[in-house]
Amino acid sequence: MTQLTRFLKIRVSKDQYERLLNNATSQNYKTISQYIREATLGKGFFTEKLISENNKMLKEILNILEGWKK
């Protein structure tokens, strides 16, 4: 999984916070941060990263399994 290493802090009004919270909750996001990341950067960005990381892990698993065959 992508390591999140940077921190952003923003100010919002009470109404804006409630709107963000309601949007995130209604769309089944676990956190407001996750909702904001995907709303601003797009799901494609994170999907692409996950696919790349999964491919790396699968290659490692395949190498291990091929080593057991020998």
PDB file of N, CA and C in Angstrom:
ATOM      1  N   MET A   1       0.835  -1.179   0.000  1.00  0.00           N
ATOM      2  CA  MET A   1       0.000   0.000   0.000  1.00  0.00           C
ATOM      3  C   MET A   1       0.880   1.244   0.000  1.00  0.00           C
ATOM      4  N   THR A   2       0.400   2.279  -0.637  1.00  0.00           N
ATOM      5  CA  THR A   2       1.136   3.533  -0.715  1.00  0.00           C
ATOM      6  C   THR A   2       1.328   4.113   0.681  1.00  0.00           C
ATOM      7  N   GLN A   3       2.575   4.468   0.982  1.00  0.00           N
ATOM      8  CA  GLN A   3       2.861   5.061   2.276  1.00  0.00           C
ATOM      9  C   GLN A   3       2.565   6.546   2.209  1.00  0.00           C
ATOM     10  N   LEU A   4       1.696   7.004   3.084  1.00  0.00           N
ATOM     11  CA  LEU A   4       1.333   8.413   3.139  1.00  0.00           C
ATOM     12  C   LEU A   4       2.268   9.095   4.130  1.00  0.00           C
ATOM     13  N   THR A   5       3.133   9.967   3.606  1.00  0.00           N
ATOM     14  CA  THR A   5       4.186  10.538   4.445  1.00  0.00           C
ATOM     15  C   THR A   5       4.091  12.058   4.622  1.00  0.00           C
ATOM     16  N   ARG A   6       3.154  12.679   3.955  1.00  0.00           N
ATOM     17  CA  ARG A   6       3.022  14.136   4.066  1.00  0.00           C
ATOM     18  C   ARG A   6       1.701  14.478   4.735  1.00  0.00           C
ATOM     19  N   PHE A   7       1.708  15.573   5.473  1.00  0.00           N
ATOM     20  CA  PHE A   7       0.543  15.987   6.231  1.00  0.00           C
ATOM     21  C   PHE A   7       0.091  17.362   5.749  1.00  0.00           C
ATOM     22  N   LEU A   8      -1.191  17.500   5.473  1.00  0.00           N
ATOM     23  CA  LEU A   8      -1.771  18.796   5.106  1.00  0.00           C
ATOM     24  C   LEU A   8      -2.795  19.194   6.156  1.00  0.00           C
ATOM     25  N   LYS A   9      -2.852  20.468   6.429  1.00  0.00           N
ATOM     26  CA  LYS A   9      -3.832  20.966   7.389  1.00  0.00           C
ATOM     27  C   LYS A   9      -4.579  22.121   6.726  1.00  0.00           C
ATOM     28  N   ILE A  10      -5.897  22.040   6.728  1.00  0.00           N
ATOM     29  CA  ILE A  10      -6.694  23.104   6.124  1.00  0.00           C
ATOM     30  C   ILE A  10      -7.765  23.558   7.115  1.00  0.00           C
ATOM     31  N   ARG A  11      -8.199  24.763   6.920  1.00  0.00           N
ATOM     32  CA  ARG A  11      -9.283  25.297   7.752  1.00  0.00           C
ATOM     33  C   ARG A  11     -10.571  25.292   6.936  1.00  0.00           C
ATOM     34  N   VAL A  12     -11.635  24.849   7.573  1.00  0.00           N
ATOM     35  CA  VAL A  12     -12.957  24.861   6.951  1.00  0.00           C
ATOM     36  C   VAL A  12     -13.964  25.341   7.992  1.00  0.00           C
ATOM     37  N   SER A  13     -15.077  25.838   7.501  1.00  0.00           N
ATOM     38  CA  SER A  13     -16.130  26.260   8.423  1.00  0.00           C
ATOM     39  C   SER A  13     -16.841  25.022   8.969  1.00  0.00           C
ATOM     40  N   LYS A  14     -17.670  25.224   9.963  1.00  0.00           N
ATOM     41  CA  LYS A  14     -18.442  24.120  10.529  1.00  0.00           C
ATOM     42  C   LYS A  14     -19.318  23.486   9.448  1.00  0.00           C
ATOM     43  N   ASP A  15     -19.959  24.332   8.642  1.00  0.00           N
ATOM     44  CA  ASP A  15     -20.829  23.824   7.569  1.00  0.00           C
ATOM     45  C   ASP A  15     -20.031  23.033   6.529  1.00  0.00           C
ATOM     46  N   GLN A  16     -18.865  23.536   6.178  1.00  0.00           N
ATOM     47  CA  GLN A  16     -18.019  22.816   5.215  1.00  0.00           C
ATOM     48  C   GLN A  16     -17.579  21.467   5.778  1.00  0.00           C
ATOM     49  N   TYR A  17     -17.216  21.455   7.051  1.00  0.00           N
ATOM     50  CA  TYR A  17     -16.807  20.202   7.677  1.00  0.00           C
ATOM     51  C   TYR A  17     -17.951  19.189   7.654  1.00  0.00           C
ATOM     52  N   GLU A  18     -19.134  19.637   8.022  1.00  0.00           N
ATOM     53  CA  GLU A  18     -20.301  18.751   8.021  1.00  0.00           C
ATOM     54  C   GLU A  18     -20.587  18.222   6.614  1.00  0.00           C
ATOM     55  N   ARG A  19     -20.424  19.084   5.630  1.00  0.00           N
ATOM     56  CA  ARG A  19     -20.637  18.660   4.240  1.00  0.00           C
ATOM     57  C   ARG A  19     -19.617  17.598   3.827  1.00  0.00           C
ATOM     58  N   LEU A  20     -18.352  17.838   4.158  1.00  0.00           N
ATOM     59  CA  LEU A  20     -17.308  16.850   3.858  1.00  0.00           C
ATOM     60  C   LEU A  20     -17.580  15.528   4.576  1.00  0.00           C
ATOM     61  N   LEU A  21     -17.945  15.612   5.840  1.00  0.00           N
ATOM     62  CA  LEU A  21     -18.226  14.410   6.620  1.00  0.00           C
ATOM     63  C   LEU A  21     -19.416  13.644   6.036  1.00  0.00           C
ATOM     64  N   ASN A  22     -20.471  14.355   5.692  1.00  0.00           N
ATOM     65  CA  ASN A  22     -21.650  13.716   5.112  1.00  0.00           C
ATOM     66  C   ASN A  22     -21.334  13.079   3.764  1.00  0.00           C
ATOM     67  N   ASN A  23     -20.587  13.781   2.933  1.00  0.00           N
ATOM     68  CA  ASN A  23     -20.202  13.231   1.628  1.00  0.00           C
ATOM     69  C   ASN A  23     -19.349  11.978   1.793  1.00  0.00           C
ATOM     70  N   ALA A  24     -18.373  12.052   2.672  1.00  0.00           N
ATOM     71  CA  ALA A  24     -17.486  10.905   2.888  1.00  0.00           C
ATOM     72  C   ALA A  24     -18.276   9.714   3.420  1.00  0.00           C
ATOM     73  N   THR A  25     -19.133   9.950   4.384  1.00  0.00           N
ATOM     74  CA  THR A  25     -19.921   8.877   4.986  1.00  0.00           C
ATOM     75  C   THR A  25     -20.893   8.273   3.983  1.00  0.00           C
ATOM     76  N   SER A  26     -21.572   9.115   3.232  1.00  0.00           N
ATOM     77  CA  SER A  26     -22.573   8.605   2.285  1.00  0.00           C
ATOM     78  C   SER A  26     -21.938   7.808   1.149  1.00  0.00           C
ATOM     79  N   GLN A  27     -20.662   8.060   0.874  1.00  0.00           N
ATOM     80  CA  GLN A  27     -19.966   7.336  -0.190  1.00  0.00           C
ATOM     81  C   GLN A  27     -19.070   6.221   0.370  1.00  0.00           C
ATOM     82  N   ASN A  28     -19.289   5.885   1.631  1.00  0.00           N
ATOM     83  CA  ASN A  28     -18.611   4.762   2.298  1.00  0.00           C
ATOM     84  C   ASN A  28     -17.099   4.917   2.423  1.00  0.00           C
ATOM     85  N   TYR A  29     -16.622   6.145   2.542  1.00  0.00           N
ATOM     86  CA  TYR A  29     -15.204   6.353   2.821  1.00  0.00           C
ATOM     87  C   TYR A  29     -14.986   6.170   4.315  1.00  0.00           C
ATOM     88  N   LYS A  30     -13.838   5.608   4.677  1.00  0.00           N
ATOM     89  CA  LYS A  30     -13.536   5.384   6.087  1.00  0.00           C
ATOM     90  C   LYS A  30     -13.168   6.681   6.791  1.00  0.00           C
ATOM     91  N   THR A  31     -12.540   7.600   6.044  1.00  0.00           N
ATOM     92  CA  THR A  31     -12.109   8.869   6.641  1.00  0.00           C
ATOM     93  C   THR A  31     -12.390  10.025   5.683  1.00  0.00           C
ATOM     94  N   ILE A  32     -12.450  11.213   6.244  1.00  0.00           N
ATOM     95  CA  ILE A  32     -12.586  12.411   5.412  1.00  0.00           C
ATOM     96  C   ILE A  32     -11.330  12.570   4.556  1.00  0.00           C
ATOM     97  N   SER A  33     -10.170  12.238   5.110  1.00  0.00           N
ATOM     98  CA  SER A  33      -8.912  12.343   4.355  1.00  0.00           C
ATOM     99  C   SER A  33      -8.958  11.496   3.094  1.00  0.00           C
ATOM    100  N   GLN A  34      -9.431  10.268   3.234  1.00  0.00           N
ATOM    101  CA  GLN A  34      -9.532   9.387   2.065  1.00  0.00           C
ATOM    102  C   GLN A  34     -10.469   9.994   1.023  1.00  0.00           C
ATOM    103  N   TYR A  35     -11.584  10.517   1.486  1.00  0.00           N
ATOM    104  CA  TYR A  35     -12.543  11.152   0.573  1.00  0.00           C
ATOM    105  C   TYR A  35     -11.901  12.336  -0.156  1.00  0.00           C
ATOM    106  N   ILE A  36     -11.220  13.199   0.566  1.00  0.00           N
ATOM    107  CA  ILE A  36     -10.602  14.388  -0.034  1.00  0.00           C
ATOM    108  C   ILE A  36      -9.503  13.989  -1.026  1.00  0.00           C
ATOM    109  N   ARG A  37      -8.669  12.996  -0.664  1.00  0.00           N
ATOM    110  CA  ARG A  37      -7.622  12.546  -1.590  1.00  0.00           C
ATOM    111  C   ARG A  37      -8.233  12.090  -2.908  1.00  0.00           C
ATOM    112  N   GLU A  38      -9.235  11.248  -2.833  1.00  0.00           N
ATOM    113  CA  GLU A  38      -9.820  10.718  -4.054  1.00  0.00           C
ATOM    114  C   GLU A  38     -10.631  11.764  -4.817  1.00  0.00           C
ATOM    115  N   ALA A  39     -11.257  12.696  -4.098  1.00  0.00           N
ATOM    116  CA  ALA A  39     -12.021  13.743  -4.764  1.00  0.00           C
ATOM    117  C   ALA A  39     -11.103  14.721  -5.504  1.00  0.00           C
ATOM    118  N   THR A  40      -9.916  14.961  -4.956  1.00  0.00           N
ATOM    119  CA  THR A  40      -9.013  15.934  -5.575  1.00  0.00           C
ATOM    120  C   THR A  40      -8.034  15.301  -6.550  1.00  0.00           C
ATOM    121  N   LEU A  41      -7.529  14.122  -6.223  1.00  0.00           N
ATOM    122  CA  LEU A  41      -6.524  13.481  -7.069  1.00  0.00           C
ATOM    123  C   LEU A  41      -7.115  12.455  -8.019  1.00  0.00           C
ATOM    124  N   GLY A  42      -8.293  12.007  -7.727  1.00  0.00           N
ATOM    125  CA  GLY A  42      -8.956  11.026  -8.583  1.00  0.00           C
ATOM    126  C   GLY A  42      -8.652   9.608  -8.162  1.00  0.00           C
ATOM    127  N   LYS A  43      -9.623   8.759  -8.343  1.00  0.00           N
ATOM    128  CA  LYS A  43      -9.456   7.356  -7.980  1.00  0.00           C
ATOM    129  C   LYS A  43      -8.410   6.689  -8.850  1.00  0.00           C
ATOM    130  N   GLY A  44      -8.270   7.125 -10.088  1.00  0.00           N
ATOM    131  CA  GLY A  44      -7.311   6.516 -10.997  1.00  0.00           C
ATOM    132  C   GLY A  44      -5.896   6.569 -10.457  1.00  0.00           C
ATOM    133  N   PHE A  45      -5.543   7.660  -9.819  1.00  0.00           N
ATOM    134  CA  PHE A  45      -4.205   7.825  -9.251  1.00  0.00           C
ATOM    135  C   PHE A  45      -3.912   6.732  -8.237  1.00  0.00           C
ATOM    136  N   PHE A  46      -4.839   6.520  -7.330  1.00  0.00           N
ATOM    137  CA  PHE A  46      -4.636   5.519  -6.283  1.00  0.00           C
ATOM    138  C   PHE A  46      -4.799   4.105  -6.816  1.00  0.00           C
ATOM    139  N   THR A  47      -5.692   3.917  -7.747  1.00  0.00           N
ATOM    140  CA  THR A  47      -5.881   2.591  -8.351  1.00  0.00           C
ATOM    141  C   THR A  47      -4.613   2.175  -9.075  1.00  0.00           C
ATOM    142  N   GLU A  48      -4.033   3.097  -9.815  1.00  0.00           N
ATOM    143  CA  GLU A  48      -2.795   2.816 -10.544  1.00  0.00           C
ATOM    144  C   GLU A  48      -1.673   2.428  -9.585  1.00  0.00           C
ATOM    145  N   LYS A  49      -1.547   3.155  -8.484  1.00  0.00           N
ATOM    146  CA  LYS A  49      -0.523   2.841  -7.487  1.00  0.00           C
ATOM    147  C   LYS A  49      -0.764   1.468  -6.876  1.00  0.00           C
ATOM    148  N   LEU A  50      -2.005   1.156  -6.537  1.00  0.00           N
ATOM    149  CA  LEU A  50      -2.321  -0.145  -5.947  1.00  0.00           C
ATOM    150  C   LEU A  50      -2.018  -1.279  -6.910  1.00  0.00           C
ATOM    151  N   ILE A  51      -2.372  -1.105  -8.163  1.00  0.00           N
ATOM    152  CA  ILE A  51      -2.105  -2.139  -9.167  1.00  0.00           C
ATOM    153  C   ILE A  51      -0.609  -2.367  -9.279  1.00  0.00           C
ATOM    154  N   SER A  52       0.156  -1.310  -9.328  1.00  0.00           N
ATOM    155  CA  SER A  52       1.609  -1.422  -9.427  1.00  0.00           C
ATOM    156  C   SER A  52       2.185  -2.158  -8.215  1.00  0.00           C
ATOM    157  N   GLU A  53       1.745  -1.794  -7.028  1.00  0.00           N
ATOM    158  CA  GLU A  53       2.238  -2.432  -5.811  1.00  0.00           C
ATOM    159  C   GLU A  53       1.807  -3.899  -5.754  1.00  0.00           C
ATOM    160  N   ASN A  54       0.579  -4.192  -6.164  1.00  0.00           N
ATOM    161  CA  ASN A  54       0.104  -5.576  -6.182  1.00  0.00           C
ATOM    162  C   ASN A  54       0.905  -6.412  -7.170  1.00  0.00           C
ATOM    163  N   ASN A  55       1.228  -5.832  -8.316  1.00  0.00           N
ATOM    164  CA  ASN A  55       2.040  -6.548  -9.303  1.00  0.00           C
ATOM    165  C   ASN A  55       3.407  -6.906  -8.738  1.00  0.00           C
ATOM    166  N   LYS A  56       4.012  -5.987  -8.022  1.00  0.00           N
ATOM    167  CA  LYS A  56       5.318  -6.257  -7.405  1.00  0.00           C
ATOM    168  C   LYS A  56       5.211  -7.405  -6.402  1.00  0.00           C
ATOM    169  N   MET A  57       4.170  -7.375  -5.570  1.00  0.00           N
ATOM    170  CA  MET A  57       3.994  -8.428  -4.577  1.00  0.00           C
ATOM    171  C   MET A  57       3.733  -9.776  -5.255  1.00  0.00           C
ATOM    172  N   LEU A  58       2.922  -9.781  -6.300  1.00  0.00           N
ATOM    173  CA  LEU A  58       2.645 -11.023  -7.012  1.00  0.00           C
ATOM    174  C   LEU A  58       3.902 -11.604  -7.641  1.00  0.00           C
ATOM    175  N   LYS A  59       4.755 -10.755  -8.201  1.00  0.00           N
ATOM    176  CA  LYS A  59       6.018 -11.230  -8.768  1.00  0.00           C
ATOM    177  C   LYS A  59       6.889 -11.862  -7.694  1.00  0.00           C
ATOM    178  N   GLU A  60       6.933 -11.248  -6.519  1.00  0.00           N
ATOM    179  CA  GLU A  60       7.711 -11.808  -5.415  1.00  0.00           C
ATOM    180  C   GLU A  60       7.148 -13.167  -4.996  1.00  0.00           C
ATOM    181  N   ILE A  61       5.845 -13.281  -4.921  1.00  0.00           N
ATOM    182  CA  ILE A  61       5.193 -14.545  -4.549  1.00  0.00           C
ATOM    183  C   ILE A  61       5.483 -15.609  -5.598  1.00  0.00           C
ATOM    184  N   LEU A  62       5.382 -15.245  -6.868  1.00  0.00           N
ATOM    185  CA  LEU A  62       5.675 -16.195  -7.940  1.00  0.00           C
ATOM    186  C   LEU A  62       7.118 -16.677  -7.874  1.00  0.00           C
ATOM    187  N   ASN A  63       8.046 -15.777  -7.601  1.00  0.00           N
ATOM    188  CA  ASN A  63       9.464 -16.164  -7.455  1.00  0.00           C
ATOM    189  C   ASN A  63       9.641 -17.155  -6.317  1.00  0.00           C
ATOM    190  N   ILE A  64       8.970 -16.926  -5.215  1.00  0.00           N
ATOM    191  CA  ILE A  64       9.051 -17.829  -4.080  1.00  0.00           C
ATOM    192  C   ILE A  64       8.471 -19.192  -4.437  1.00  0.00           C
ATOM    193  N   LEU A  65       7.304 -19.195  -5.083  1.00  0.00           N
ATOM    194  CA  LEU A  65       6.661 -20.452  -5.454  1.00  0.00           C
ATOM    195  C   LEU A  65       7.499 -21.228  -6.476  1.00  0.00           C
ATOM    196  N   GLU A  66       8.106 -20.524  -7.408  1.00  0.00           N
ATOM    197  CA  GLU A  66       8.956 -21.193  -8.382  1.00  0.00           C
ATOM    198  C   GLU A  66      10.193 -21.778  -7.712  1.00  0.00           C
ATOM    199  N   GLY A  67      10.684 -21.142  -6.683  1.00  0.00           N
ATOM    200  CA  GLY A  67      11.812 -21.660  -5.924  1.00  0.00           C
ATOM    201  C   GLY A  67      11.448 -22.941  -5.194  1.00  0.00           C
ATOM    202  N   TRP A  68      10.211 -23.081  -4.765  1.00  0.00           N
ATOM    203  CA  TRP A  68       9.759 -24.295  -4.087  1.00  0.00           C
ATOM    204  C   TRP A  68       9.618 -25.474  -5.048  1.00  0.00           C
ATOM    205  N   LYS A  69       9.348 -25.161  -6.314  1.00  0.00           N
ATOM    206  CA  LYS A  69       9.184 -26.232  -7.309  1.00  0.00           C
ATOM    207  C   LYS A  69      10.483 -26.993  -7.528  1.00  0.00           C
ATOM    208  N   LYS A  70      11.606 -26.317  -7.376  1.00  0.00           N
ATOM    209  CA  LYS A  70      12.915 -26.901  -7.694  1.00  0.00           C
ATOM    210  C   LYS A  70      13.339 -27.914  -6.683  1.00  0.00           C
TER     211      LYS A  70
END
